[in-house]
Amino acid sequence: AQKRIYTGGINEFGYFEPDINGKLS
């Protein structure tokens, strides 16, 4: 739905999404 890849680590969480070149940021 959001076209994102959510990640969780150690004391951190966030998401990756493609930039205009298709590379994940």
PDBML (XML) file of the C-alpha atoms, coordinates in Angstrom:
<?xml version="1.0" encoding="UTF-8" ?>
<PDBx:datablock datablockName="MODEL"
   xmlns:PDBx="http://pdbml.pdb.org/schema/pdbx-v50.xsd"
   xmlns:xsi="http://www.w3.org/2001/XMLSchema-instance"
   xsi:schemaLocation="http://pdbml.pdb.org/schema/pdbx-v50.xsd pdbx-v50.xsd">
   <PDBx:atom_siteCategory>
      <PDBx:atom_site id="1">
         <PDBx:B_iso_or_equiv>0.00</PDBx:B_iso_or_equiv>
         <PDBx:Cartn_x>0.000</PDBx:Cartn_x>
         <PDBx:Cartn_y>0.000</PDBx:Cartn_y>
         <PDBx:Cartn_z>0.000</PDBx:Cartn_z>
         <PDBx:auth_asym_id>A</PDBx:auth_asym_id>
         <PDBx:auth_atom_id>CA</PDBx:auth_atom_id>
         <PDBx:auth_comp_id>ALA</PDBx:auth_comp_id>
         <PDBx:auth_seq_id>1</PDBx:auth_seq_id>
         <PDBx:group_PDB>ATOM</PDBx:group_PDB>
         <PDBx:label_alt_id xsi:nil="true" />
         <PDBx:label_asym_id>A</PDBx:label_asym_id>
         <PDBx:label_atom_id>CA</PDBx:label_atom_id>
         <PDBx:label_comp_id>ALA</PDBx:label_comp_id>
         <PDBx:label_entity_id>1</PDBx:label_entity_id>
         <PDBx:label_seq_id>1</PDBx:label_seq_id>
         <PDBx:occupancy>1.00</PDBx:occupancy>
         <PDBx:pdbx_PDB_model_num>1</PDBx:pdbx_PDB_model_num>
         <PDBx:type_symbol>C</PDBx:type_symbol>
      </PDBx:atom_site>
      <PDBx:atom_site id="2">
         <PDBx:B_iso_or_equiv>0.00</PDBx:B_iso_or_equiv>
         <PDBx:Cartn_x>2.791</PDBx:Cartn_x>
         <PDBx:Cartn_y>2.431</PDBx:Cartn_y>
         <PDBx:Cartn_z>0.877</PDBx:Cartn_z>
         <PDBx:auth_asym_id>A</PDBx:auth_asym_id>
         <PDBx:auth_atom_id>CA</PDBx:auth_atom_id>
         <PDBx:auth_comp_id>GLN</PDBx:auth_comp_id>
         <PDBx:auth_seq_id>2</PDBx:auth_seq_id>
         <PDBx:group_PDB>ATOM</PDBx:group_PDB>
         <PDBx:label_alt_id xsi:nil="true" />
         <PDBx:label_asym_id>A</PDBx:label_asym_id>
         <PDBx:label_atom_id>CA</PDBx:label_atom_id>
         <PDBx:label_comp_id>GLN</PDBx:label_comp_id>
         <PDBx:label_entity_id>1</PDBx:label_entity_id>
         <PDBx:label_seq_id>2</PDBx:label_seq_id>
         <PDBx:occupancy>1.00</PDBx:occupancy>
         <PDBx:pdbx_PDB_model_num>1</PDBx:pdbx_PDB_model_num>
         <PDBx:type_symbol>C</PDBx:type_symbol>
      </PDBx:atom_site>
      <PDBx:atom_site id="3">
         <PDBx:B_iso_or_equiv>0.00</PDBx:B_iso_or_equiv>
         <PDBx:Cartn_x>5.420</PDBx:Cartn_x>
         <PDBx:Cartn_y>1.048</PDBx:Cartn_y>
         <PDBx:Cartn_z>-1.528</PDBx:Cartn_z>
         <PDBx:auth_asym_id>A</PDBx:auth_asym_id>
         <PDBx:auth_atom_id>CA</PDBx:auth_atom_id>
         <PDBx:auth_comp_id>LYS</PDBx:auth_comp_id>
         <PDBx:auth_seq_id>3</PDBx:auth_seq_id>
         <PDBx:group_PDB>ATOM</PDBx:group_PDB>
         <PDBx:label_alt_id xsi:nil="true" />
         <PDBx:label_asym_id>A</PDBx:label_asym_id>
         <PDBx:label_atom_id>CA</PDBx:label_atom_id>
         <PDBx:label_comp_id>LYS</PDBx:label_comp_id>
         <PDBx:label_entity_id>1</PDBx:label_entity_id>
         <PDBx:label_seq_id>3</PDBx:label_seq_id>
         <PDBx:occupancy>1.00</PDBx:occupancy>
         <PDBx:pdbx_PDB_model_num>1</PDBx:pdbx_PDB_model_num>
         <PDBx:type_symbol>C</PDBx:type_symbol>
      </PDBx:atom_site>
      <PDBx:atom_site id="4">
         <PDBx:B_iso_or_equiv>0.00</PDBx:B_iso_or_equiv>
         <PDBx:Cartn_x>7.926</PDBx:Cartn_x>
         <PDBx:Cartn_y>0.922</PDBx:Cartn_y>
         <PDBx:Cartn_z>1.318</PDBx:Cartn_z>
         <PDBx:auth_asym_id>A</PDBx:auth_asym_id>
         <PDBx:auth_atom_id>CA</PDBx:auth_atom_id>
         <PDBx:auth_comp_id>ARG</PDBx:auth_comp_id>
         <PDBx:auth_seq_id>4</PDBx:auth_seq_id>
         <PDBx:group_PDB>ATOM</PDBx:group_PDB>
         <PDBx:label_alt_id xsi:nil="true" />
         <PDBx:label_asym_id>A</PDBx:label_asym_id>
         <PDBx:label_atom_id>CA</PDBx:label_atom_id>
         <PDBx:label_comp_id>ARG</PDBx:label_comp_id>
         <PDBx:label_entity_id>1</PDBx:label_entity_id>
         <PDBx:label_seq_id>4</PDBx:label_seq_id>
         <PDBx:occupancy>1.00</PDBx:occupancy>
         <PDBx:pdbx_PDB_model_num>1</PDBx:pdbx_PDB_model_num>
         <PDBx:type_symbol>C</PDBx:type_symbol>
      </PDBx:atom_site>
      <PDBx:atom_site id="5">
         <PDBx:B_iso_or_equiv>0.00</PDBx:B_iso_or_equiv>
         <PDBx:Cartn_x>10.125</PDBx:Cartn_x>
         <PDBx:Cartn_y>-1.670</PDBx:Cartn_y>
         <PDBx:Cartn_z>2.946</PDBx:Cartn_z>
         <PDBx:auth_asym_id>A</PDBx:auth_asym_id>
         <PDBx:auth_atom_id>CA</PDBx:auth_atom_id>
         <PDBx:auth_comp_id>ILE</PDBx:auth_comp_id>
         <PDBx:auth_seq_id>5</PDBx:auth_seq_id>
         <PDBx:group_PDB>ATOM</PDBx:group_PDB>
         <PDBx:label_alt_id xsi:nil="true" />
         <PDBx:label_asym_id>A</PDBx:label_asym_id>
         <PDBx:label_atom_id>CA</PDBx:label_atom_id>
         <PDBx:label_comp_id>ILE</PDBx:label_comp_id>
         <PDBx:label_entity_id>1</PDBx:label_entity_id>
         <PDBx:label_seq_id>5</PDBx:label_seq_id>
         <PDBx:occupancy>1.00</PDBx:occupancy>
         <PDBx:pdbx_PDB_model_num>1</PDBx:pdbx_PDB_model_num>
         <PDBx:type_symbol>C</PDBx:type_symbol>
      </PDBx:atom_site>
      <PDBx:atom_site id="6">
         <PDBx:B_iso_or_equiv>0.00</PDBx:B_iso_or_equiv>
         <PDBx:Cartn_x>9.952</PDBx:Cartn_x>
         <PDBx:Cartn_y>-1.241</PDBx:Cartn_y>
         <PDBx:Cartn_z>6.724</PDBx:Cartn_z>
         <PDBx:auth_asym_id>A</PDBx:auth_asym_id>
         <PDBx:auth_atom_id>CA</PDBx:auth_atom_id>
         <PDBx:auth_comp_id>TYR</PDBx:auth_comp_id>
         <PDBx:auth_seq_id>6</PDBx:auth_seq_id>
         <PDBx:group_PDB>ATOM</PDBx:group_PDB>
         <PDBx:label_alt_id xsi:nil="true" />
         <PDBx:label_asym_id>A</PDBx:label_asym_id>
         <PDBx:label_atom_id>CA</PDBx:label_atom_id>
         <PDBx:label_comp_id>TYR</PDBx:label_comp_id>
         <PDBx:label_entity_id>1</PDBx:label_entity_id>
         <PDBx:label_seq_id>6</PDBx:label_seq_id>
         <PDBx:occupancy>1.00</PDBx:occupancy>
         <PDBx:pdbx_PDB_model_num>1</PDBx:pdbx_PDB_model_num>
         <PDBx:type_symbol>C</PDBx:type_symbol>
      </PDBx:atom_site>
      <PDBx:atom_site id="7">
         <PDBx:B_iso_or_equiv>0.00</PDBx:B_iso_or_equiv>
         <PDBx:Cartn_x>12.838</PDBx:Cartn_x>
         <PDBx:Cartn_y>-2.458</PDBx:Cartn_y>
         <PDBx:Cartn_z>8.826</PDBx:Cartn_z>
         <PDBx:auth_asym_id>A</PDBx:auth_asym_id>
         <PDBx:auth_atom_id>CA</PDBx:auth_atom_id>
         <PDBx:auth_comp_id>THR</PDBx:auth_comp_id>
         <PDBx:auth_seq_id>7</PDBx:auth_seq_id>
         <PDBx:group_PDB>ATOM</PDBx:group_PDB>
         <PDBx:label_alt_id xsi:nil="true" />
         <PDBx:label_asym_id>A</PDBx:label_asym_id>
         <PDBx:label_atom_id>CA</PDBx:label_atom_id>
         <PDBx:label_comp_id>THR</PDBx:label_comp_id>
         <PDBx:label_entity_id>1</PDBx:label_entity_id>
         <PDBx:label_seq_id>7</PDBx:label_seq_id>
         <PDBx:occupancy>1.00</PDBx:occupancy>
         <PDBx:pdbx_PDB_model_num>1</PDBx:pdbx_PDB_model_num>
         <PDBx:type_symbol>C</PDBx:type_symbol>
      </PDBx:atom_site>
      <PDBx:atom_site id="8">
         <PDBx:B_iso_or_equiv>0.00</PDBx:B_iso_or_equiv>
         <PDBx:Cartn_x>13.546</PDBx:Cartn_x>
         <PDBx:Cartn_y>-2.848</PDBx:Cartn_y>
         <PDBx:Cartn_z>12.515</PDBx:Cartn_z>
         <PDBx:auth_asym_id>A</PDBx:auth_asym_id>
         <PDBx:auth_atom_id>CA</PDBx:auth_atom_id>
         <PDBx:auth_comp_id>GLY</PDBx:auth_comp_id>
         <PDBx:auth_seq_id>8</PDBx:auth_seq_id>
         <PDBx:group_PDB>ATOM</PDBx:group_PDB>
         <PDBx:label_alt_id xsi:nil="true" />
         <PDBx:label_asym_id>A</PDBx:label_asym_id>
         <PDBx:label_atom_id>CA</PDBx:label_atom_id>
         <PDBx:label_comp_id>GLY</PDBx:label_comp_id>
         <PDBx:label_entity_id>1</PDBx:label_entity_id>
         <PDBx:label_seq_id>8</PDBx:label_seq_id>
         <PDBx:occupancy>1.00</PDBx:occupancy>
         <PDBx:pdbx_PDB_model_num>1</PDBx:pdbx_PDB_model_num>
         <PDBx:type_symbol>C</PDBx:type_symbol>
      </PDBx:atom_site>
      <PDBx:atom_site id="9">
         <PDBx:B_iso_or_equiv>0.00</PDBx:B_iso_or_equiv>
         <PDBx:Cartn_x>16.949</PDBx:Cartn_x>
         <PDBx:Cartn_y>-3.128</PDBx:Cartn_y>
         <PDBx:Cartn_z>14.109</PDBx:Cartn_z>
         <PDBx:auth_asym_id>A</PDBx:auth_asym_id>
         <PDBx:auth_atom_id>CA</PDBx:auth_atom_id>
         <PDBx:auth_comp_id>GLY</PDBx:auth_comp_id>
         <PDBx:auth_seq_id>9</PDBx:auth_seq_id>
         <PDBx:group_PDB>ATOM</PDBx:group_PDB>
         <PDBx:label_alt_id xsi:nil="true" />
         <PDBx:label_asym_id>A</PDBx:label_asym_id>
         <PDBx:label_atom_id>CA</PDBx:label_atom_id>
         <PDBx:label_comp_id>GLY</PDBx:label_comp_id>
         <PDBx:label_entity_id>1</PDBx:label_entity_id>
         <PDBx:label_seq_id>9</PDBx:label_seq_id>
         <PDBx:occupancy>1.00</PDBx:occupancy>
         <PDBx:pdbx_PDB_model_num>1</PDBx:pdbx_PDB_model_num>
         <PDBx:type_symbol>C</PDBx:type_symbol>
      </PDBx:atom_site>
      <PDBx:atom_site id="10">
         <PDBx:B_iso_or_equiv>0.00</PDBx:B_iso_or_equiv>
         <PDBx:Cartn_x>18.442</PDBx:Cartn_x>
         <PDBx:Cartn_y>-2.544</PDBx:Cartn_y>
         <PDBx:Cartn_z>17.533</PDBx:Cartn_z>
         <PDBx:auth_asym_id>A</PDBx:auth_asym_id>
         <PDBx:auth_atom_id>CA</PDBx:auth_atom_id>
         <PDBx:auth_comp_id>ILE</PDBx:auth_comp_id>
         <PDBx:auth_seq_id>10</PDBx:auth_seq_id>
         <PDBx:group_PDB>ATOM</PDBx:group_PDB>
         <PDBx:label_alt_id xsi:nil="true" />
         <PDBx:label_asym_id>A</PDBx:label_asym_id>
         <PDBx:label_atom_id>CA</PDBx:label_atom_id>
         <PDBx:label_comp_id>ILE</PDBx:label_comp_id>
         <PDBx:label_entity_id>1</PDBx:label_entity_id>
         <PDBx:label_seq_id>10</PDBx:label_seq_id>
         <PDBx:occupancy>1.00</PDBx:occupancy>
         <PDBx:pdbx_PDB_model_num>1</PDBx:pdbx_PDB_model_num>
         <PDBx:type_symbol>C</PDBx:type_symbol>
      </PDBx:atom_site>
      <PDBx:atom_site id="11">
         <PDBx:B_iso_or_equiv>0.00</PDBx:B_iso_or_equiv>
         <PDBx:Cartn_x>16.899</PDBx:Cartn_x>
         <PDBx:Cartn_y>0.627</PDBx:Cartn_y>
         <PDBx:Cartn_z>19.008</PDBx:Cartn_z>
         <PDBx:auth_asym_id>A</PDBx:auth_asym_id>
         <PDBx:auth_atom_id>CA</PDBx:auth_atom_id>
         <PDBx:auth_comp_id>ASN</PDBx:auth_comp_id>
         <PDBx:auth_seq_id>11</PDBx:auth_seq_id>
         <PDBx:group_PDB>ATOM</PDBx:group_PDB>
         <PDBx:label_alt_id xsi:nil="true" />
         <PDBx:label_asym_id>A</PDBx:label_asym_id>
         <PDBx:label_atom_id>CA</PDBx:label_atom_id>
         <PDBx:label_comp_id>ASN</PDBx:label_comp_id>
         <PDBx:label_entity_id>1</PDBx:label_entity_id>
         <PDBx:label_seq_id>11</PDBx:label_seq_id>
         <PDBx:occupancy>1.00</PDBx:occupancy>
         <PDBx:pdbx_PDB_model_num>1</PDBx:pdbx_PDB_model_num>
         <PDBx:type_symbol>C</PDBx:type_symbol>
      </PDBx:atom_site>
      <PDBx:atom_site id="12">
         <PDBx:B_iso_or_equiv>0.00</PDBx:B_iso_or_equiv>
         <PDBx:Cartn_x>15.964</PDBx:Cartn_x>
         <PDBx:Cartn_y>1.716</PDBx:Cartn_y>
         <PDBx:Cartn_z>15.492</PDBx:Cartn_z>
         <PDBx:auth_asym_id>A</PDBx:auth_asym_id>
         <PDBx:auth_atom_id>CA</PDBx:auth_atom_id>
         <PDBx:auth_comp_id>GLU</PDBx:auth_comp_id>
         <PDBx:auth_seq_id>12</PDBx:auth_seq_id>
         <PDBx:group_PDB>ATOM</PDBx:group_PDB>
         <PDBx:label_alt_id xsi:nil="true" />
         <PDBx:label_asym_id>A</PDBx:label_asym_id>
         <PDBx:label_atom_id>CA</PDBx:label_atom_id>
         <PDBx:label_comp_id>GLU</PDBx:label_comp_id>
         <PDBx:label_entity_id>1</PDBx:label_entity_id>
         <PDBx:label_seq_id>12</PDBx:label_seq_id>
         <PDBx:occupancy>1.00</PDBx:occupancy>
         <PDBx:pdbx_PDB_model_num>1</PDBx:pdbx_PDB_model_num>
         <PDBx:type_symbol>C</PDBx:type_symbol>
      </PDBx:atom_site>
      <PDBx:atom_site id="13">
         <PDBx:B_iso_or_equiv>0.00</PDBx:B_iso_or_equiv>
         <PDBx:Cartn_x>13.180</PDBx:Cartn_x>
         <PDBx:Cartn_y>1.376</PDBx:Cartn_y>
         <PDBx:Cartn_z>12.939</PDBx:Cartn_z>
         <PDBx:auth_asym_id>A</PDBx:auth_asym_id>
         <PDBx:auth_atom_id>CA</PDBx:auth_atom_id>
         <PDBx:auth_comp_id>PHE</PDBx:auth_comp_id>
         <PDBx:auth_seq_id>13</PDBx:auth_seq_id>
         <PDBx:group_PDB>ATOM</PDBx:group_PDB>
         <PDBx:label_alt_id xsi:nil="true" />
         <PDBx:label_asym_id>A</PDBx:label_asym_id>
         <PDBx:label_atom_id>CA</PDBx:label_atom_id>
         <PDBx:label_comp_id>PHE</PDBx:label_comp_id>
         <PDBx:label_entity_id>1</PDBx:label_entity_id>
         <PDBx:label_seq_id>13</PDBx:label_seq_id>
         <PDBx:occupancy>1.00</PDBx:occupancy>
         <PDBx:pdbx_PDB_model_num>1</PDBx:pdbx_PDB_model_num>
         <PDBx:type_symbol>C</PDBx:type_symbol>
      </PDBx:atom_site>
      <PDBx:atom_site id="14">
         <PDBx:B_iso_or_equiv>0.00</PDBx:B_iso_or_equiv>
         <PDBx:Cartn_x>12.353</PDBx:Cartn_x>
         <PDBx:Cartn_y>3.066</PDBx:Cartn_y>
         <PDBx:Cartn_z>9.660</PDBx:Cartn_z>
         <PDBx:auth_asym_id>A</PDBx:auth_asym_id>
         <PDBx:auth_atom_id>CA</PDBx:auth_atom_id>
         <PDBx:auth_comp_id>GLY</PDBx:auth_comp_id>
         <PDBx:auth_seq_id>14</PDBx:auth_seq_id>
         <PDBx:group_PDB>ATOM</PDBx:group_PDB>
         <PDBx:label_alt_id xsi:nil="true" />
         <PDBx:label_asym_id>A</PDBx:label_asym_id>
         <PDBx:label_atom_id>CA</PDBx:label_atom_id>
         <PDBx:label_comp_id>GLY</PDBx:label_comp_id>
         <PDBx:label_entity_id>1</PDBx:label_entity_id>
         <PDBx:label_seq_id>14</PDBx:label_seq_id>
         <PDBx:occupancy>1.00</PDBx:occupancy>
         <PDBx:pdbx_PDB_model_num>1</PDBx:pdbx_PDB_model_num>
         <PDBx:type_symbol>C</PDBx:type_symbol>
      </PDBx:atom_site>
      <PDBx:atom_site id="15">
         <PDBx:B_iso_or_equiv>0.00</PDBx:B_iso_or_equiv>
         <PDBx:Cartn_x>11.728</PDBx:Cartn_x>
         <PDBx:Cartn_y>2.345</PDBx:Cartn_y>
         <PDBx:Cartn_z>6.009</PDBx:Cartn_z>
         <PDBx:auth_asym_id>A</PDBx:auth_asym_id>
         <PDBx:auth_atom_id>CA</PDBx:auth_atom_id>
         <PDBx:auth_comp_id>TYR</PDBx:auth_comp_id>
         <PDBx:auth_seq_id>15</PDBx:auth_seq_id>
         <PDBx:group_PDB>ATOM</PDBx:group_PDB>
         <PDBx:label_alt_id xsi:nil="true" />
         <PDBx:label_asym_id>A</PDBx:label_asym_id>
         <PDBx:label_atom_id>CA</PDBx:label_atom_id>
         <PDBx:label_comp_id>TYR</PDBx:label_comp_id>
         <PDBx:label_entity_id>1</PDBx:label_entity_id>
         <PDBx:label_seq_id>15</PDBx:label_seq_id>
         <PDBx:occupancy>1.00</PDBx:occupancy>
         <PDBx:pdbx_PDB_model_num>1</PDBx:pdbx_PDB_model_num>
         <PDBx:type_symbol>C</PDBx:type_symbol>
      </PDBx:atom_site>
      <PDBx:atom_site id="16">
         <PDBx:B_iso_or_equiv>0.00</PDBx:B_iso_or_equiv>
         <PDBx:Cartn_x>13.388</PDBx:Cartn_x>
         <PDBx:Cartn_y>2.168</PDBx:Cartn_y>
         <PDBx:Cartn_z>2.627</PDBx:Cartn_z>
         <PDBx:auth_asym_id>A</PDBx:auth_asym_id>
         <PDBx:auth_atom_id>CA</PDBx:auth_atom_id>
         <PDBx:auth_comp_id>PHE</PDBx:auth_comp_id>
         <PDBx:auth_seq_id>16</PDBx:auth_seq_id>
         <PDBx:group_PDB>ATOM</PDBx:group_PDB>
         <PDBx:label_alt_id xsi:nil="true" />
         <PDBx:label_asym_id>A</PDBx:label_asym_id>
         <PDBx:label_atom_id>CA</PDBx:label_atom_id>
         <PDBx:label_comp_id>PHE</PDBx:label_comp_id>
         <PDBx:label_entity_id>1</PDBx:label_entity_id>
         <PDBx:label_seq_id>16</PDBx:label_seq_id>
         <PDBx:occupancy>1.00</PDBx:occupancy>
         <PDBx:pdbx_PDB_model_num>1</PDBx:pdbx_PDB_model_num>
         <PDBx:type_symbol>C</PDBx:type_symbol>
      </PDBx:atom_site>
      <PDBx:atom_site id="17">
         <PDBx:B_iso_or_equiv>0.00</PDBx:B_iso_or_equiv>
         <PDBx:Cartn_x>11.712</PDBx:Cartn_x>
         <PDBx:Cartn_y>3.474</PDBx:Cartn_y>
         <PDBx:Cartn_z>-0.500</PDBx:Cartn_z>
         <PDBx:auth_asym_id>A</PDBx:auth_asym_id>
         <PDBx:auth_atom_id>CA</PDBx:auth_atom_id>
         <PDBx:auth_comp_id>GLU</PDBx:auth_comp_id>
         <PDBx:auth_seq_id>17</PDBx:auth_seq_id>
         <PDBx:group_PDB>ATOM</PDBx:group_PDB>
         <PDBx:label_alt_id xsi:nil="true" />
         <PDBx:label_asym_id>A</PDBx:label_asym_id>
         <PDBx:label_atom_id>CA</PDBx:label_atom_id>
         <PDBx:label_comp_id>GLU</PDBx:label_comp_id>
         <PDBx:label_entity_id>1</PDBx:label_entity_id>
         <PDBx:label_seq_id>17</PDBx:label_seq_id>
         <PDBx:occupancy>1.00</PDBx:occupancy>
         <PDBx:pdbx_PDB_model_num>1</PDBx:pdbx_PDB_model_num>
         <PDBx:type_symbol>C</PDBx:type_symbol>
      </PDBx:atom_site>
      <PDBx:atom_site id="18">
         <PDBx:B_iso_or_equiv>0.00</PDBx:B_iso_or_equiv>
         <PDBx:Cartn_x>12.958</PDBx:Cartn_x>
         <PDBx:Cartn_y>3.940</PDBx:Cartn_y>
         <PDBx:Cartn_z>-4.047</PDBx:Cartn_z>
         <PDBx:auth_asym_id>A</PDBx:auth_asym_id>
         <PDBx:auth_atom_id>CA</PDBx:auth_atom_id>
         <PDBx:auth_comp_id>PRO</PDBx:auth_comp_id>
         <PDBx:auth_seq_id>18</PDBx:auth_seq_id>
         <PDBx:group_PDB>ATOM</PDBx:group_PDB>
         <PDBx:label_alt_id xsi:nil="true" />
         <PDBx:label_asym_id>A</PDBx:label_asym_id>
         <PDBx:label_atom_id>CA</PDBx:label_atom_id>
         <PDBx:label_comp_id>PRO</PDBx:label_comp_id>
         <PDBx:label_entity_id>1</PDBx:label_entity_id>
         <PDBx:label_seq_id>18</PDBx:label_seq_id>
         <PDBx:occupancy>1.00</PDBx:occupancy>
         <PDBx:pdbx_PDB_model_num>1</PDBx:pdbx_PDB_model_num>
         <PDBx:type_symbol>C</PDBx:type_symbol>
      </PDBx:atom_site>
      <PDBx:atom_site id="19">
         <PDBx:B_iso_or_equiv>0.00</PDBx:B_iso_or_equiv>
         <PDBx:Cartn_x>14.267</PDBx:Cartn_x>
         <PDBx:Cartn_y>7.344</PDBx:Cartn_y>
         <PDBx:Cartn_z>-5.101</PDBx:Cartn_z>
         <PDBx:auth_asym_id>A</PDBx:auth_asym_id>
         <PDBx:auth_atom_id>CA</PDBx:auth_atom_id>
         <PDBx:auth_comp_id>ASP</PDBx:auth_comp_id>
         <PDBx:auth_seq_id>19</PDBx:auth_seq_id>
         <PDBx:group_PDB>ATOM</PDBx:group_PDB>
         <PDBx:label_alt_id xsi:nil="true" />
         <PDBx:label_asym_id>A</PDBx:label_asym_id>
         <PDBx:label_atom_id>CA</PDBx:label_atom_id>
         <PDBx:label_comp_id>ASP</PDBx:label_comp_id>
         <PDBx:label_entity_id>1</PDBx:label_entity_id>
         <PDBx:label_seq_id>19</PDBx:label_seq_id>
         <PDBx:occupancy>1.00</PDBx:occupancy>
         <PDBx:pdbx_PDB_model_num>1</PDBx:pdbx_PDB_model_num>
         <PDBx:type_symbol>C</PDBx:type_symbol>
      </PDBx:atom_site>
      <PDBx:atom_site id="20">
         <PDBx:B_iso_or_equiv>0.00</PDBx:B_iso_or_equiv>
         <PDBx:Cartn_x>13.728</PDBx:Cartn_x>
         <PDBx:Cartn_y>8.720</PDBx:Cartn_y>
         <PDBx:Cartn_z>-8.620</PDBx:Cartn_z>
         <PDBx:auth_asym_id>A</PDBx:auth_asym_id>
         <PDBx:auth_atom_id>CA</PDBx:auth_atom_id>
         <PDBx:auth_comp_id>ILE</PDBx:auth_comp_id>
         <PDBx:auth_seq_id>20</PDBx:auth_seq_id>
         <PDBx:group_PDB>ATOM</PDBx:group_PDB>
         <PDBx:label_alt_id xsi:nil="true" />
         <PDBx:label_asym_id>A</PDBx:label_asym_id>
         <PDBx:label_atom_id>CA</PDBx:label_atom_id>
         <PDBx:label_comp_id>ILE</PDBx:label_comp_id>
         <PDBx:label_entity_id>1</PDBx:label_entity_id>
         <PDBx:label_seq_id>20</PDBx:label_seq_id>
         <PDBx:occupancy>1.00</PDBx:occupancy>
         <PDBx:pdbx_PDB_model_num>1</PDBx:pdbx_PDB_model_num>
         <PDBx:type_symbol>C</PDBx:type_symbol>
      </PDBx:atom_site>
      <PDBx:atom_site id="21">
         <PDBx:B_iso_or_equiv>0.00</PDBx:B_iso_or_equiv>
         <PDBx:Cartn_x>16.505</PDBx:Cartn_x>
         <PDBx:Cartn_y>6.449</PDBx:Cartn_y>
         <PDBx:Cartn_z>-9.928</PDBx:Cartn_z>
         <PDBx:auth_asym_id>A</PDBx:auth_asym_id>
         <PDBx:auth_atom_id>CA</PDBx:auth_atom_id>
         <PDBx:auth_comp_id>ASN</PDBx:auth_comp_id>
         <PDBx:auth_seq_id>21</PDBx:auth_seq_id>
         <PDBx:group_PDB>ATOM</PDBx:group_PDB>
         <PDBx:label_alt_id xsi:nil="true" />
         <PDBx:label_asym_id>A</PDBx:label_asym_id>
         <PDBx:label_atom_id>CA</PDBx:label_atom_id>
         <PDBx:label_comp_id>ASN</PDBx:label_comp_id>
         <PDBx:label_entity_id>1</PDBx:label_entity_id>
         <PDBx:label_seq_id>21</PDBx:label_seq_id>
         <PDBx:occupancy>1.00</PDBx:occupancy>
         <PDBx:pdbx_PDB_model_num>1</PDBx:pdbx_PDB_model_num>
         <PDBx:type_symbol>C</PDBx:type_symbol>
      </PDBx:atom_site>
      <PDBx:atom_site id="22">
         <PDBx:B_iso_or_equiv>0.00</PDBx:B_iso_or_equiv>
         <PDBx:Cartn_x>15.003</PDBx:Cartn_x>
         <PDBx:Cartn_y>3.352</PDBx:Cartn_y>
         <PDBx:Cartn_z>-8.300</PDBx:Cartn_z>
         <PDBx:auth_asym_id>A</PDBx:auth_asym_id>
         <PDBx:auth_atom_id>CA</PDBx:auth_atom_id>
         <PDBx:auth_comp_id>GLY</PDBx:auth_comp_id>
         <PDBx:auth_seq_id>22</PDBx:auth_seq_id>
         <PDBx:group_PDB>ATOM</PDBx:group_PDB>
         <PDBx:label_alt_id xsi:nil="true" />
         <PDBx:label_asym_id>A</PDBx:label_asym_id>
         <PDBx:label_atom_id>CA</PDBx:label_atom_id>
         <PDBx:label_comp_id>GLY</PDBx:label_comp_id>
         <PDBx:label_entity_id>1</PDBx:label_entity_id>
         <PDBx:label_seq_id>22</PDBx:label_seq_id>
         <PDBx:occupancy>1.00</PDBx:occupancy>
         <PDBx:pdbx_PDB_model_num>1</PDBx:pdbx_PDB_model_num>
         <PDBx:type_symbol>C</PDBx:type_symbol>
      </PDBx:atom_site>
      <PDBx:atom_site id="23">
         <PDBx:B_iso_or_equiv>0.00</PDBx:B_iso_or_equiv>
         <PDBx:Cartn_x>17.749</PDBx:Cartn_x>
         <PDBx:Cartn_y>3.104</PDBx:Cartn_y>
         <PDBx:Cartn_z>-5.665</PDBx:Cartn_z>
         <PDBx:auth_asym_id>A</PDBx:auth_asym_id>
         <PDBx:auth_atom_id>CA</PDBx:auth_atom_id>
         <PDBx:auth_comp_id>LYS</PDBx:auth_comp_id>
         <PDBx:auth_seq_id>23</PDBx:auth_seq_id>
         <PDBx:group_PDB>ATOM</PDBx:group_PDB>
         <PDBx:label_alt_id xsi:nil="true" />
         <PDBx:label_asym_id>A</PDBx:label_asym_id>
         <PDBx:label_atom_id>CA</PDBx:label_atom_id>
         <PDBx:label_comp_id>LYS</PDBx:label_comp_id>
         <PDBx:label_entity_id>1</PDBx:label_entity_id>
         <PDBx:label_seq_id>23</PDBx:label_seq_id>
         <PDBx:occupancy>1.00</PDBx:occupancy>
         <PDBx:pdbx_PDB_model_num>1</PDBx:pdbx_PDB_model_num>
         <PDBx:type_symbol>C</PDBx:type_symbol>
      </PDBx:atom_site>
      <PDBx:atom_site id="24">
         <PDBx:B_iso_or_equiv>0.00</PDBx:B_iso_or_equiv>
         <PDBx:Cartn_x>16.495</PDBx:Cartn_x>
         <PDBx:Cartn_y>2.517</PDBx:Cartn_y>
         <PDBx:Cartn_z>-2.128</PDBx:Cartn_z>
         <PDBx:auth_asym_id>A</PDBx:auth_asym_id>
         <PDBx:auth_atom_id>CA</PDBx:auth_atom_id>
         <PDBx:auth_comp_id>LEU</PDBx:auth_comp_id>
         <PDBx:auth_seq_id>24</PDBx:auth_seq_id>
         <PDBx:group_PDB>ATOM</PDBx:group_PDB>
         <PDBx:label_alt_id xsi:nil="true" />
         <PDBx:label_asym_id>A</PDBx:label_asym_id>
         <PDBx:label_atom_id>CA</PDBx:label_atom_id>
         <PDBx:label_comp_id>LEU</PDBx:label_comp_id>
         <PDBx:label_entity_id>1</PDBx:label_entity_id>
         <PDBx:label_seq_id>24</PDBx:label_seq_id>
         <PDBx:occupancy>1.00</PDBx:occupancy>
         <PDBx:pdbx_PDB_model_num>1</PDBx:pdbx_PDB_model_num>
         <PDBx:type_symbol>C</PDBx:type_symbol>
      </PDBx:atom_site>
      <PDBx:atom_site id="25">
         <PDBx:B_iso_or_equiv>0.00</PDBx:B_iso_or_equiv>
         <PDBx:Cartn_x>16.935</PDBx:Cartn_x>
         <PDBx:Cartn_y>5.365</PDBx:Cartn_y>
         <PDBx:Cartn_z>0.331</PDBx:Cartn_z>
         <PDBx:auth_asym_id>A</PDBx:auth_asym_id>
         <PDBx:auth_atom_id>CA</PDBx:auth_atom_id>
         <PDBx:auth_comp_id>SER</PDBx:auth_comp_id>
         <PDBx:auth_seq_id>25</PDBx:auth_seq_id>
         <PDBx:group_PDB>ATOM</PDBx:group_PDB>
         <PDBx:label_alt_id xsi:nil="true" />
         <PDBx:label_asym_id>A</PDBx:label_asym_id>
         <PDBx:label_atom_id>CA</PDBx:label_atom_id>
         <PDBx:label_comp_id>SER</PDBx:label_comp_id>
         <PDBx:label_entity_id>1</PDBx:label_entity_id>
         <PDBx:label_seq_id>25</PDBx:label_seq_id>
         <PDBx:occupancy>1.00</PDBx:occupancy>
         <PDBx:pdbx_PDB_model_num>1</PDBx:pdbx_PDB_model_num>
         <PDBx:type_symbol>C</PDBx:type_symbol>
      </PDBx:atom_site>
   </PDBx:atom_siteCategory>
</PDBx:datablock>
